[in-house]
Amino acid sequence: MSIRNINSNKDEKFIHSNSTEGLEQNESSTGYIDDLESQTEKDIADELQQGLKARHIQLIALGGTIGTGLFVGSGAALSSCGPAGLLTAYLIMSIVIYFIMNQLGEMVCYLPTKGGAISDIVQRYVDESLGFATGWIYYYTFIILVCTEVTAASIVIDYWTDKVHIAVWITIFLLVIIGLNFLAVKYYGEAEFWFSSLKIICILGLIILGIVIFFGGGPNQTSIRGFQYWNNPGAFAEHLSSGNTGRFLDVWTGVIKSGFAFITGPELVAIAAAETKNPRRNISKAARRFVYRLMFFYVIGSLVIGIMVPSNNKQLLNGSSTASASPFVIGIQNVGIKGLNHVINGAILTSAWSSGNSFFYASTRSLLSLAKAGKAPKIFLKINRFGVPWVACSLSAAIGCLSYLNVSSGSAKVFTWFTNISTISGFIGWIIIGIAYLRWRKAVLYNDLWDRVPFKTYLQPYGAYFSISLISLICLTNGYATFFDFNGPDFIAAYITLPVFFGLYLGHKIFTKNWKLCYPIDEVDVISGLDRAEKVSEIAQANEDIPTTWYGKFWSYLM
């Protein structure tokens, strides 16, 4: 059945006025569409408190992505790939993240959905079974990332002392993350804002420090360093082979490893949309600025790392060592700047806490969206008076205890396992975002609605084809290095997510007896809720406070 030229009942009832009086009782005035079956019923996500502001969205997205992937995990990439391999890999992955963020931004701004879950977008535009598998794989990704960040925090602590049992530190980290997420969302947003601000100040300071070290300004330096470490030990590590083949494999390994630093960044923007005011404006603003800021921090950050530390430094993190230091901290220590290594290590510790906080938040909201859509037990719909999905938080807290694997295995090894598992899961999610975008775009064009898309980006749909193709190749070759010197646990960590995902997808197909790959294009619903989303966006903009002072205008531009 075609949905062409059909408007939802909710849109027909929407009163065109310049105030929120046009909204019926129990309807949200924040600009979100409800479920497709009944847009007049009170949505579970209405109980989530819209307590996040534009500055919260910017910092949650950027701060949640700039974390231990850059501060700690980049050491493993530098050790394996060399400085040139690391920089090239981050440049390639920056292009990919640019397209992914734009695809997701276009879809979310067109019809902001409550909960912001990628699975909701996939179910609406592609297929119910794919939406089911996507929802659970994202929950799995976010909760594994919580464990990864807790592991990274324990690695950072180990730089100072190994006299306190690691289980004590893991318990402290988990309690702080869980405690913040059981508070009302405005407290979570505020805490994350300041955590992320500290993280961004830290990386900016490190970039400036890298410039100082480049020109020989460290206490122990007697000459300009420049790109000394690109010459000795070399621009490439050639860790698996020699010559041109070795250099190519360095870059490819770097692309795979750098994926961990970028994954779930765009998704955090979409998920936070559920609890922000005027989502169309704030999400488009965040999407535009997030990409360029992220590319700047990661590309320049990777360049600085290659200047500060040689790739053959024994303290760099790798899965087979007991090394426990960030490359930034090693670089500061090597040039003899006393005390600063401890300050930066402390900032990196808060960074791990911050990212773990963001991922825990994302995991609980993903589970809530799954329960709301009937893809998870309804007990996860329970929300307390503070607007917190406390049952979902409880399950995520329980699974987060996987972090205690550090007690029986080395932190560096466990960190490698967790990063491999979460990276491949995130890659699968990006492929699905690209597929959903192509279906959404085709349906919008089919219904002659392209002029009503509020956020349009360059080089689409070609960017979607590029990102889908490249990430699919990365997924297939994610564990290729294990075949040079076969390692069972590393092989399993690299590929375990693939059978889990396809098992969820095929299992749902069999259970529902739904054998279609995707909806016919004339059945893809890009109409329901559109009029209402547009009207509420107009109301929000009409009621928005326009800054008049110079500092107010600057803050509005910045955030």
Protein backbone atom coordinates (compact mmCIF):
# COMPACT_ATOMS: atom_id res chain seq x y z
CA MET A 1 0.00 0.00 0.00
CA SER A 2 1.38 3.38 -0.99
CA ILE A 3 1.62 6.12 1.59
CA ARG A 4 2.18 8.79 -1.03
CA ASN A 5 0.34 12.08 -0.31
CA ILE A 6 -1.07 10.72 2.94
CA ASN A 7 -0.86 12.91 6.03
CA SER A 8 -1.15 11.52 9.53
CA ASN A 9 -4.17 12.29 11.68
CA LYS A 10 -1.88 14.05 14.12
CA ASP A 11 -0.69 16.42 11.41
CA GLU A 12 -4.26 17.19 10.34
CA LYS A 13 -5.21 18.00 13.93
CA PHE A 14 -2.17 20.16 14.53
CA ILE A 15 -3.36 23.72 14.98
CA HIS A 16 -1.26 26.26 13.15
CA SER A 17 -0.63 28.86 15.78
CA ASN A 18 2.36 30.71 17.13
CA SER A 19 2.22 29.20 20.60
CA THR A 20 2.18 25.79 22.20
CA GLU A 21 -1.57 26.10 22.85
CA GLY A 22 -2.06 24.33 19.55
CA LEU A 23 -0.74 21.11 21.05
CA GLU A 24 -3.19 18.68 22.55
CA GLN A 25 -2.93 17.63 26.14
CA ASN A 26 -0.12 15.14 26.78
CA GLU A 27 1.57 16.03 23.49
CA SER A 28 5.18 17.09 23.62
CA SER A 29 5.97 20.65 22.65
CA THR A 30 9.62 19.95 22.05
CA GLY A 31 9.40 18.90 18.43
CA TYR A 32 9.39 15.09 18.35
CA ILE A 33 7.14 12.67 16.53
CA ASP A 34 5.49 9.80 18.35
CA ASP A 35 5.19 6.18 17.21
CA LEU A 36 3.54 5.52 13.85
CA GLU A 37 0.68 3.40 15.17
CA SER A 38 -0.88 6.06 17.40
CA GLN A 39 0.49 9.53 17.55
CA THR A 40 -2.22 10.67 19.98
CA GLU A 41 -1.16 8.36 22.80
CA LYS A 42 1.28 9.56 25.44
CA ASP A 43 4.66 8.26 24.44
CA ILE A 44 6.85 6.59 27.04
CA ALA A 45 9.68 8.90 26.10
CA ASP A 46 7.55 11.93 27.06
CA GLU A 47 8.51 11.02 30.60
CA LEU A 48 12.16 11.65 29.77
CA GLN A 49 12.94 15.14 30.91
CA GLN A 50 13.99 17.55 28.15
CA GLY A 51 16.79 18.87 30.33
CA LEU A 52 19.61 19.15 27.79
CA LYS A 53 20.56 22.45 26.18
CA ALA A 54 22.51 23.16 23.00
CA ARG A 55 25.78 23.40 24.92
CA HIS A 56 25.09 19.98 26.46
CA ILE A 57 24.52 18.42 23.02
CA GLN A 58 27.75 19.88 21.64
CA LEU A 59 29.85 18.73 24.56
CA ILE A 60 28.20 15.30 25.00
CA ALA A 61 28.83 14.51 21.33
CA LEU A 62 32.36 15.89 21.15
CA GLY A 63 33.41 14.90 24.67
CA GLY A 64 31.95 11.43 24.34
CA THR A 65 34.07 10.81 21.26
CA ILE A 66 37.31 12.45 22.36
CA GLY A 67 38.38 9.97 24.99
CA THR A 68 40.68 7.09 25.63
CA GLY A 69 40.75 6.20 21.93
CA LEU A 70 42.95 9.25 21.41
CA PHE A 71 44.55 9.57 24.84
CA VAL A 72 45.39 5.87 25.43
CA GLY A 73 44.44 3.68 22.46
CA SER A 74 46.44 5.80 20.01
CA GLY A 75 49.59 4.45 21.68
CA ALA A 76 48.82 0.96 20.37
CA ALA A 77 48.20 2.36 16.88
CA LEU A 78 51.48 4.32 16.95
CA SER A 79 53.40 1.25 18.10
CA SER A 80 51.96 -0.89 15.28
CA CYS A 81 51.78 1.62 12.44
CA GLY A 82 54.33 4.39 12.99
CA PRO A 83 53.53 8.13 12.95
CA ALA A 84 52.79 8.36 9.21
CA GLY A 85 50.54 5.29 9.32
CA LEU A 86 48.70 6.73 12.33
CA LEU A 87 48.18 10.17 10.76
CA THR A 88 47.04 8.74 7.41
CA ALA A 89 44.59 6.41 9.16
CA TYR A 90 43.04 9.27 11.16
CA LEU A 91 42.68 11.34 7.98
CA ILE A 92 40.86 8.47 6.24
CA MET A 93 38.61 7.83 9.21
CA SER A 94 37.83 11.55 9.51
CA ILE A 95 36.41 11.48 5.99
CA VAL A 96 34.25 8.49 6.92
CA ILE A 97 32.94 10.13 10.10
CA TYR A 98 32.13 13.28 8.11
CA PHE A 99 29.78 11.33 5.86
CA ILE A 100 28.25 9.28 8.69
CA MET A 101 27.46 12.37 10.78
CA ASN A 102 25.92 14.12 7.78
CA GLN A 103 23.73 11.14 6.92
CA LEU A 104 22.47 10.78 10.45
CA GLY A 105 22.05 14.54 10.87
CA GLU A 106 19.84 14.81 7.77
CA MET A 107 17.53 12.02 8.94
CA VAL A 108 17.26 13.10 12.58
CA CYS A 109 16.63 16.76 11.71
CA TYR A 110 13.95 15.82 9.18
CA LEU A 111 11.92 13.88 11.76
CA PRO A 112 13.38 14.07 15.29
CA THR A 113 12.41 10.83 17.03
CA LYS A 114 12.00 10.27 20.73
CA GLY A 115 14.77 8.18 22.15
CA GLY A 116 16.98 8.96 19.15
CA ALA A 117 17.74 5.25 18.73
CA ILE A 118 19.25 4.23 15.40
CA SER A 119 17.02 1.13 15.53
CA ASP A 120 13.91 3.35 15.35
CA ILE A 121 15.24 5.03 12.21
CA VAL A 122 16.14 1.67 10.64
CA GLN A 123 12.75 0.15 11.47
CA ARG A 124 10.92 3.11 9.96
CA TYR A 125 12.90 3.39 6.73
CA VAL A 126 14.33 -0.08 6.02
CA ASP A 127 13.04 -3.20 7.78
CA GLU A 128 11.72 -4.33 11.16
CA SER A 129 14.16 -7.25 11.52
CA LEU A 130 17.12 -5.04 10.69
CA GLY A 131 15.84 -2.54 13.24
CA PHE A 132 15.65 -5.27 15.88
CA ALA A 133 19.21 -6.47 15.24
CA THR A 134 20.50 -2.89 15.10
CA GLY A 135 18.91 -1.96 18.41
CA TRP A 136 20.48 -4.84 20.28
CA ILE A 137 23.88 -4.50 18.61
CA TYR A 138 24.00 -0.83 19.62
CA TYR A 139 23.09 -1.66 23.19
CA TYR A 140 25.82 -4.30 23.15
CA THR A 141 28.29 -1.74 21.71
CA PHE A 142 27.54 0.96 24.27
CA ILE A 143 27.79 -1.32 27.28
CA ILE A 144 31.06 -2.87 26.05
CA LEU A 145 32.38 0.67 25.61
CA VAL A 146 31.58 1.36 29.26
CA CYS A 147 33.78 -1.62 30.17
CA THR A 148 36.48 -0.33 27.78
CA GLU A 149 36.55 3.08 29.44
CA VAL A 150 36.70 1.57 32.93
CA THR A 151 39.60 -0.60 31.76
CA ALA A 152 41.34 2.45 30.32
CA ALA A 153 40.88 4.27 33.63
CA SER A 154 42.55 1.38 35.46
CA ILE A 155 45.45 1.55 32.96
CA VAL A 156 45.86 5.25 33.72
CA ILE A 157 45.81 4.65 37.47
CA ASP A 158 48.48 1.95 37.08
CA TYR A 159 50.87 4.66 35.88
CA TRP A 160 50.91 6.01 39.44
CA THR A 161 50.68 2.87 41.56
CA ASP A 162 50.07 -0.85 41.42
CA LYS A 163 49.90 -1.29 45.20
CA VAL A 164 46.09 -0.95 45.36
CA HIS A 165 44.23 -3.93 43.89
CA ILE A 166 42.76 -3.10 40.50
CA ALA A 167 39.30 -4.32 41.58
CA VAL A 168 39.12 -1.39 44.02
CA TRP A 169 39.65 1.15 41.22
CA ILE A 170 37.17 -0.61 38.93
CA THR A 171 34.54 -0.49 41.69
CA ILE A 172 35.09 3.24 42.25
CA PHE A 173 34.89 4.06 38.53
CA LEU A 174 31.71 2.03 38.06
CA LEU A 175 30.01 3.54 41.11
CA VAL A 176 30.63 7.10 39.91
CA ILE A 177 29.34 6.36 36.39
CA ILE A 178 26.29 4.48 37.63
CA GLY A 179 25.53 7.10 40.30
CA LEU A 180 25.56 9.98 37.80
CA ASN A 181 23.20 8.11 35.48
CA PHE A 182 20.68 7.47 38.25
CA LEU A 183 20.35 11.22 38.79
CA ALA A 184 17.97 13.42 36.78
CA VAL A 185 19.19 14.03 33.23
CA LYS A 186 19.93 17.71 33.88
CA TYR A 187 22.57 16.67 36.42
CA TYR A 188 23.99 14.13 33.99
CA GLY A 189 24.12 16.79 31.27
CA GLU A 190 25.77 19.33 33.54
CA ALA A 191 28.36 16.83 34.82
CA GLU A 192 29.13 15.72 31.28
CA PHE A 193 29.42 19.34 30.14
CA TRP A 194 32.17 20.04 32.67
CA PHE A 195 33.86 16.66 32.19
CA SER A 196 33.96 17.27 28.43
CA SER A 197 35.10 20.87 28.83
CA LEU A 198 38.08 19.68 30.86
CA LYS A 199 38.83 17.07 28.20
CA ILE A 200 38.79 19.62 25.38
CA ILE A 201 40.97 22.05 27.35
CA CYS A 202 43.37 19.14 27.91
CA ILE A 203 43.66 18.22 24.23
CA LEU A 204 44.08 21.89 23.23
CA GLY A 205 46.85 22.22 25.82
CA LEU A 206 48.54 19.08 24.51
CA ILE A 207 48.43 20.39 20.94
CA ILE A 208 50.12 23.60 22.09
CA LEU A 209 52.65 21.53 24.04
CA GLY A 210 53.33 19.48 20.91
CA ILE A 211 54.21 22.67 19.05
CA VAL A 212 56.58 23.69 21.88
CA ILE A 213 58.29 20.26 21.79
CA PHE A 214 58.45 20.41 17.98
CA PHE A 215 60.56 23.58 18.25
CA GLY A 216 62.71 22.19 21.05
CA GLY A 217 61.17 24.05 23.99
CA GLY A 218 61.30 21.18 26.51
CA PRO A 219 63.72 21.34 29.50
CA ASN A 220 65.74 18.36 28.25
CA GLN A 221 65.79 19.47 24.61
CA THR A 222 68.88 21.10 23.12
CA SER A 223 67.70 21.46 19.52
CA ILE A 224 64.59 21.59 17.37
CA ARG A 225 62.99 18.15 17.25
CA GLY A 226 60.79 18.61 14.20
CA PHE A 227 59.91 15.30 12.58
CA GLN A 228 62.92 13.51 14.05
CA TYR A 229 60.94 10.38 14.94
CA TRP A 230 59.64 10.17 11.37
CA ASN A 231 63.24 9.56 10.31
CA ASN A 232 64.37 7.45 13.25
CA PRO A 233 62.86 4.90 13.96
CA GLY A 234 60.87 5.81 10.82
CA ALA A 235 57.53 7.06 9.48
CA PHE A 236 56.18 3.51 9.26
CA ALA A 237 56.65 0.62 11.68
CA GLU A 238 56.20 -2.09 8.99
CA HIS A 239 54.91 -4.37 11.74
CA LEU A 240 53.66 -7.23 9.53
CA SER A 241 55.74 -6.99 6.37
CA SER A 242 58.44 -4.83 4.80
CA GLY A 243 58.56 -2.45 1.86
CA ASN A 244 55.48 -0.99 0.22
CA THR A 245 53.35 -3.90 1.42
CA GLY A 246 54.40 -3.26 5.00
CA ARG A 247 53.63 0.45 4.72
CA PHE A 248 50.20 -0.25 3.22
CA LEU A 249 49.43 -2.71 6.03
CA ASP A 250 50.53 -0.10 8.56
CA VAL A 251 47.92 2.31 7.18
CA TRP A 252 45.24 -0.37 7.02
CA THR A 253 45.93 -1.52 10.59
CA GLY A 254 45.80 2.14 11.60
CA VAL A 255 42.38 2.57 9.97
CA ILE A 256 41.06 -0.45 11.86
CA LYS A 257 42.54 0.64 15.19
CA SER A 258 41.55 4.30 14.79
CA GLY A 259 37.94 3.26 14.33
CA PHE A 260 37.70 2.79 18.08
CA ALA A 261 38.45 6.47 18.61
CA PHE A 262 35.57 7.57 16.36
CA ILE A 263 32.77 5.03 16.84
CA THR A 264 29.40 6.09 18.29
CA GLY A 265 30.22 9.81 18.11
CA PRO A 266 27.44 10.61 15.60
CA GLU A 267 25.05 8.30 17.45
CA LEU A 268 25.52 10.24 20.70
CA VAL A 269 24.18 13.33 18.90
CA ALA A 270 21.04 11.44 17.81
CA ILE A 271 20.42 9.84 21.20
CA ALA A 272 20.82 13.12 23.07
CA ALA A 273 18.14 14.57 20.75
CA ALA A 274 15.52 12.82 22.87
CA GLU A 275 16.22 15.14 25.74
CA THR A 276 16.95 18.49 24.16
CA LYS A 277 14.77 21.46 23.37
CA ASN A 278 14.17 22.44 19.71
CA PRO A 279 15.90 19.33 18.30
CA ARG A 280 15.82 20.45 14.66
CA ARG A 281 17.92 23.50 15.42
CA ASN A 282 20.21 21.99 18.03
CA ILE A 283 20.93 18.73 16.23
CA SER A 284 21.70 20.39 12.89
CA LYS A 285 23.97 22.85 14.70
CA ALA A 286 25.72 20.05 16.57
CA ALA A 287 26.09 17.93 13.43
CA ARG A 288 27.75 20.75 11.46
CA ARG A 289 30.23 21.76 14.15
CA PHE A 290 30.85 18.35 15.67
CA VAL A 291 32.46 16.93 12.51
CA TYR A 292 34.96 19.71 11.95
CA ARG A 293 35.93 19.96 15.60
CA LEU A 294 36.38 16.21 15.83
CA MET A 295 38.50 16.09 12.69
CA PHE A 296 40.66 18.93 14.00
CA PHE A 297 41.28 17.34 17.40
CA TYR A 298 42.02 13.87 16.06
CA VAL A 299 44.13 14.75 13.04
CA ILE A 300 46.20 17.35 14.89
CA GLY A 301 46.31 15.12 17.98
CA SER A 302 47.68 12.17 15.99
CA LEU A 303 50.30 14.44 14.41
CA VAL A 304 51.38 15.65 17.87
CA ILE A 305 51.68 12.07 19.14
CA GLY A 306 54.05 11.22 16.29
CA ILE A 307 56.20 14.21 17.22
CA MET A 308 56.30 13.52 20.97
CA VAL A 309 56.96 9.76 21.10
CA PRO A 310 58.93 7.31 18.89
CA SER A 311 56.92 4.34 17.68
CA ASN A 312 59.40 1.88 19.23
CA ASN A 313 59.02 3.26 22.77
CA LYS A 314 58.61 0.27 25.12
CA GLN A 315 56.06 2.08 27.30
CA LEU A 316 53.49 2.33 24.50
CA LEU A 317 50.37 0.26 25.01
CA ASN A 318 49.95 -2.95 23.06
CA GLY A 319 47.98 -6.09 23.71
CA SER A 320 50.99 -8.23 24.56
CA SER A 321 52.69 -5.85 26.98
CA THR A 322 52.11 -4.61 30.48
CA ALA A 323 52.71 -1.00 29.44
CA SER A 324 50.31 1.40 31.06
CA ALA A 325 50.84 4.93 29.85
CA SER A 326 49.33 7.40 27.40
CA PRO A 327 51.70 8.48 24.59
CA PHE A 328 51.11 12.09 25.66
CA VAL A 329 52.27 11.31 29.19
CA ILE A 330 55.33 9.44 27.87
CA GLY A 331 56.23 12.39 25.65
CA ILE A 332 55.96 14.88 28.53
CA GLN A 333 58.07 12.64 30.75
CA ASN A 334 60.75 12.25 28.07
CA VAL A 335 61.33 16.01 27.64
CA GLY A 336 61.66 16.49 31.41
CA ILE A 337 58.62 18.67 32.20
CA LYS A 338 58.19 17.84 35.88
CA GLY A 339 54.73 17.40 37.32
CA LEU A 340 52.84 17.98 34.06
CA ASN A 341 52.74 14.27 33.28
CA HIS A 342 50.72 13.73 36.46
CA VAL A 343 48.35 16.61 35.63
CA ILE A 344 47.72 15.22 32.13
CA ASN A 345 47.32 11.71 33.47
CA GLY A 346 44.67 13.04 35.85
CA ALA A 347 42.89 14.78 32.97
CA ILE A 348 42.97 11.54 30.97
CA LEU A 349 41.45 9.76 33.95
CA THR A 350 38.51 12.19 33.98
CA SER A 351 38.31 11.66 30.21
CA ALA A 352 37.78 7.93 30.69
CA TRP A 353 35.15 8.68 33.31
CA SER A 354 33.45 11.17 30.98
CA SER A 355 33.30 8.78 28.01
CA GLY A 356 32.13 5.94 30.24
CA ASN A 357 29.43 8.25 31.53
CA SER A 358 28.25 9.07 27.98
CA PHE A 359 28.24 5.44 26.87
CA PHE A 360 26.33 4.30 29.96
CA TYR A 361 23.73 7.00 29.28
CA ALA A 362 23.49 5.89 25.64
CA SER A 363 23.11 2.22 26.60
CA THR A 364 20.17 2.89 28.93
CA ARG A 365 18.34 5.08 26.39
CA SER A 366 18.91 2.48 23.68
CA LEU A 367 17.42 -0.22 25.88
CA LEU A 368 14.46 2.03 26.71
CA SER A 369 13.81 2.56 22.99
CA LEU A 370 13.98 -1.20 22.38
CA ALA A 371 11.43 -1.83 25.11
CA LYS A 372 9.19 0.94 23.80
CA ALA A 373 9.22 -0.67 20.34
CA GLY A 374 8.44 -4.12 21.77
CA LYS A 375 11.92 -5.46 21.06
CA ALA A 376 12.85 -5.83 24.74
CA PRO A 377 10.86 -6.79 27.87
CA LYS A 378 8.45 -4.06 28.98
CA ILE A 379 9.99 -3.94 32.43
CA PHE A 380 12.68 -1.71 30.89
CA LEU A 381 10.00 0.95 30.29
CA LYS A 382 9.92 1.80 33.99
CA ILE A 383 10.96 5.38 34.61
CA ASN A 384 11.28 6.99 38.04
CA ARG A 385 10.07 10.44 39.08
CA PHE A 386 13.41 11.96 38.02
CA GLY A 387 12.87 10.80 34.42
CA VAL A 388 15.50 8.05 34.71
CA PRO A 389 14.88 4.57 33.19
CA TRP A 390 16.07 2.89 36.38
CA VAL A 391 15.53 -0.74 35.32
CA ALA A 392 17.53 -0.19 32.13
CA CYS A 393 20.21 1.50 34.24
CA SER A 394 20.28 -1.50 36.58
CA LEU A 395 20.85 -4.00 33.75
CA SER A 396 23.59 -1.85 32.23
CA ALA A 397 25.23 -1.60 35.66
CA ALA A 398 25.20 -5.39 36.01
CA ILE A 399 26.73 -5.98 32.56
CA GLY A 400 29.29 -3.26 33.26
CA CYS A 401 30.77 -5.64 35.81
CA LEU A 402 32.50 -7.37 32.88
CA SER A 403 35.14 -4.75 33.63
CA TYR A 404 36.34 -7.05 36.40
CA LEU A 405 37.93 -9.24 33.71
CA ASN A 406 40.93 -7.01 34.38
CA VAL A 407 41.42 -8.84 37.67
CA SER A 408 42.35 -12.15 36.01
CA SER A 409 43.91 -10.80 32.76
CA GLY A 410 46.26 -7.90 32.16
CA SER A 411 44.64 -4.50 31.62
CA ALA A 412 46.40 -4.01 28.27
CA LYS A 413 45.11 -7.35 26.97
CA VAL A 414 41.55 -6.78 28.20
CA PHE A 415 41.60 -3.26 26.73
CA THR A 416 42.55 -4.76 23.35
CA TRP A 417 39.68 -7.28 23.53
CA PHE A 418 37.10 -4.66 24.45
CA THR A 419 38.28 -2.21 21.78
CA ASN A 420 38.13 -4.91 19.09
CA ILE A 421 34.62 -5.99 20.08
CA SER A 422 33.23 -2.47 20.34
CA THR A 423 34.94 -1.24 17.15
CA ILE A 424 33.48 -3.93 14.88
CA SER A 425 30.05 -3.39 16.49
CA GLY A 426 30.29 0.34 15.80
CA PHE A 427 31.32 -0.33 12.20
CA ILE A 428 28.24 -2.50 11.66
CA GLY A 429 26.12 0.34 12.99
CA TRP A 430 27.69 2.78 10.52
CA ILE A 431 26.94 0.47 7.59
CA ILE A 432 23.31 0.29 8.68
CA ILE A 433 23.11 4.09 9.04
CA GLY A 434 24.29 4.37 5.44
CA ILE A 435 21.67 1.87 4.24
CA ALA A 436 18.91 3.65 6.18
CA TYR A 437 20.01 6.99 4.74
CA LEU A 438 19.79 5.73 1.15
CA ARG A 439 16.28 4.35 1.73
CA TRP A 440 15.16 7.56 3.49
CA ARG A 441 16.59 9.77 0.78
CA LYS A 442 14.98 7.74 -1.99
CA ALA A 443 11.60 7.86 -0.20
CA VAL A 444 11.84 11.62 0.38
CA LEU A 445 12.57 12.19 -3.32
CA TYR A 446 9.78 9.78 -4.31
CA ASN A 447 7.30 11.81 -2.27
CA ASP A 448 8.61 15.16 -3.59
CA LEU A 449 9.59 16.30 -0.10
CA TRP A 450 13.23 17.24 -0.66
CA ASP A 451 12.47 20.95 -0.31
CA ARG A 452 11.20 20.24 3.23
CA VAL A 453 14.49 18.67 4.38
CA PRO A 454 15.89 21.27 6.83
CA PHE A 455 19.48 20.03 6.93
CA LYS A 456 21.20 19.14 3.66
CA THR A 457 24.82 18.17 3.23
CA TYR A 458 27.34 17.89 0.42
CA LEU A 459 28.39 14.87 -1.67
CA GLN A 460 25.39 12.71 -0.87
CA PRO A 461 24.38 10.02 -1.71
CA TYR A 462 27.93 9.31 -2.96
CA GLY A 463 29.28 9.72 0.55
CA ALA A 464 26.89 6.99 1.71
CA TYR A 465 28.08 4.59 -0.98
CA PHE A 466 31.69 5.35 -0.10
CA SER A 467 31.23 4.86 3.65
CA ILE A 468 29.22 1.64 3.24
CA SER A 469 31.82 0.13 0.88
CA LEU A 470 34.88 1.11 2.92
CA ILE A 471 33.45 0.09 6.30
CA SER A 472 32.21 -3.24 4.92
CA LEU A 473 35.76 -3.97 3.76
CA ILE A 474 37.12 -2.97 7.17
CA CYS A 475 34.64 -5.31 8.89
CA LEU A 476 35.76 -8.25 6.77
CA THR A 477 39.46 -7.57 7.34
CA ASN A 478 39.19 -6.40 10.96
CA GLY A 479 41.12 -9.39 12.31
CA TYR A 480 43.44 -9.97 9.36
CA ALA A 481 46.56 -9.47 11.49
CA THR A 482 45.71 -12.56 13.57
CA PHE A 483 46.42 -14.75 10.50
CA PHE A 484 50.07 -13.65 10.39
CA ASP A 485 50.58 -15.10 13.87
CA PHE A 486 47.30 -16.76 14.81
CA ASN A 487 45.89 -15.74 18.18
CA GLY A 488 42.58 -17.35 19.17
CA PRO A 489 41.28 -14.75 21.67
CA ASP A 490 42.15 -11.85 19.36
CA PHE A 491 40.47 -13.58 16.40
CA ILE A 492 37.30 -14.14 18.42
CA ALA A 493 37.28 -10.53 19.67
CA ALA A 494 37.69 -9.29 16.08
CA TYR A 495 34.83 -11.30 14.58
CA ILE A 496 32.44 -12.42 17.35
CA THR A 497 30.06 -9.52 16.69
CA LEU A 498 29.36 -10.60 13.09
CA PRO A 499 27.63 -13.92 13.94
CA VAL A 500 25.86 -12.22 16.87
CA PHE A 501 24.42 -9.58 14.55
CA PHE A 502 23.36 -11.98 11.80
CA GLY A 503 21.94 -14.35 14.42
CA LEU A 504 19.72 -11.55 15.76
CA TYR A 505 18.69 -10.50 12.26
CA LEU A 506 17.90 -13.98 10.92
CA GLY A 507 16.31 -15.06 14.20
CA HIS A 508 13.86 -12.16 14.02
CA LYS A 509 13.14 -12.95 10.36
CA ILE A 510 12.31 -16.55 11.23
CA PHE A 511 10.23 -15.61 14.29
CA THR A 512 8.16 -12.99 12.42
CA LYS A 513 8.14 -14.88 9.09
CA ASN A 514 9.15 -11.61 7.43
CA TRP A 515 11.22 -12.47 4.36
CA LYS A 516 11.42 -9.03 2.73
CA LEU A 517 14.85 -7.42 2.66
CA CYS A 518 13.32 -3.94 2.92
CA TYR A 519 10.04 -2.09 2.50
CA PRO A 520 9.01 -1.12 -1.05
CA ILE A 521 9.88 2.53 -1.55
CA ASP A 522 6.22 3.61 -1.72
CA GLU A 523 5.68 2.12 1.76
CA VAL A 524 8.55 3.93 3.46
CA ASP A 525 6.86 6.46 5.76
CA VAL A 526 8.52 9.86 5.51
CA ILE A 527 5.26 11.79 5.98
CA SER A 528 3.74 10.95 9.36
CA GLY A 529 4.61 13.63 11.88
CA LEU A 530 6.34 15.94 9.39
CA ASP A 531 3.81 18.81 9.56
CA ARG A 532 3.85 18.66 13.32
CA ALA A 533 7.66 18.63 13.54
CA GLU A 534 7.85 21.64 11.25
CA LYS A 535 5.24 23.60 13.20
CA VAL A 536 6.80 22.93 16.57
CA SER A 537 10.18 23.97 15.18
CA GLU A 538 8.59 27.27 14.09
CA ILE A 539 7.10 27.75 17.57
CA ALA A 540 10.43 27.03 19.24
CA GLN A 541 12.25 29.49 16.99
CA ALA A 542 9.60 32.17 17.55
CA ASN A 543 9.97 31.80 21.32
CA GLU A 544 13.76 31.58 21.27
CA ASP A 545 15.74 34.21 23.10
CA ILE A 546 18.00 36.00 20.64
CA PRO A 547 21.28 37.12 22.23
CA THR A 548 21.91 40.86 22.01
CA THR A 549 25.28 41.23 23.73
CA TRP A 550 28.58 40.45 22.02
CA TYR A 551 29.43 37.70 24.48
CA GLY A 552 25.93 36.22 24.14
CA LYS A 553 26.32 36.12 20.37
CA PHE A 554 29.79 34.58 20.70
CA TRP A 555 28.50 31.89 23.08
CA SER A 556 25.60 31.13 20.73
CA TYR A 557 28.05 30.75 17.84
CA LEU A 558 30.38 28.60 19.91
CA MET A 559 27.67 26.30 21.27
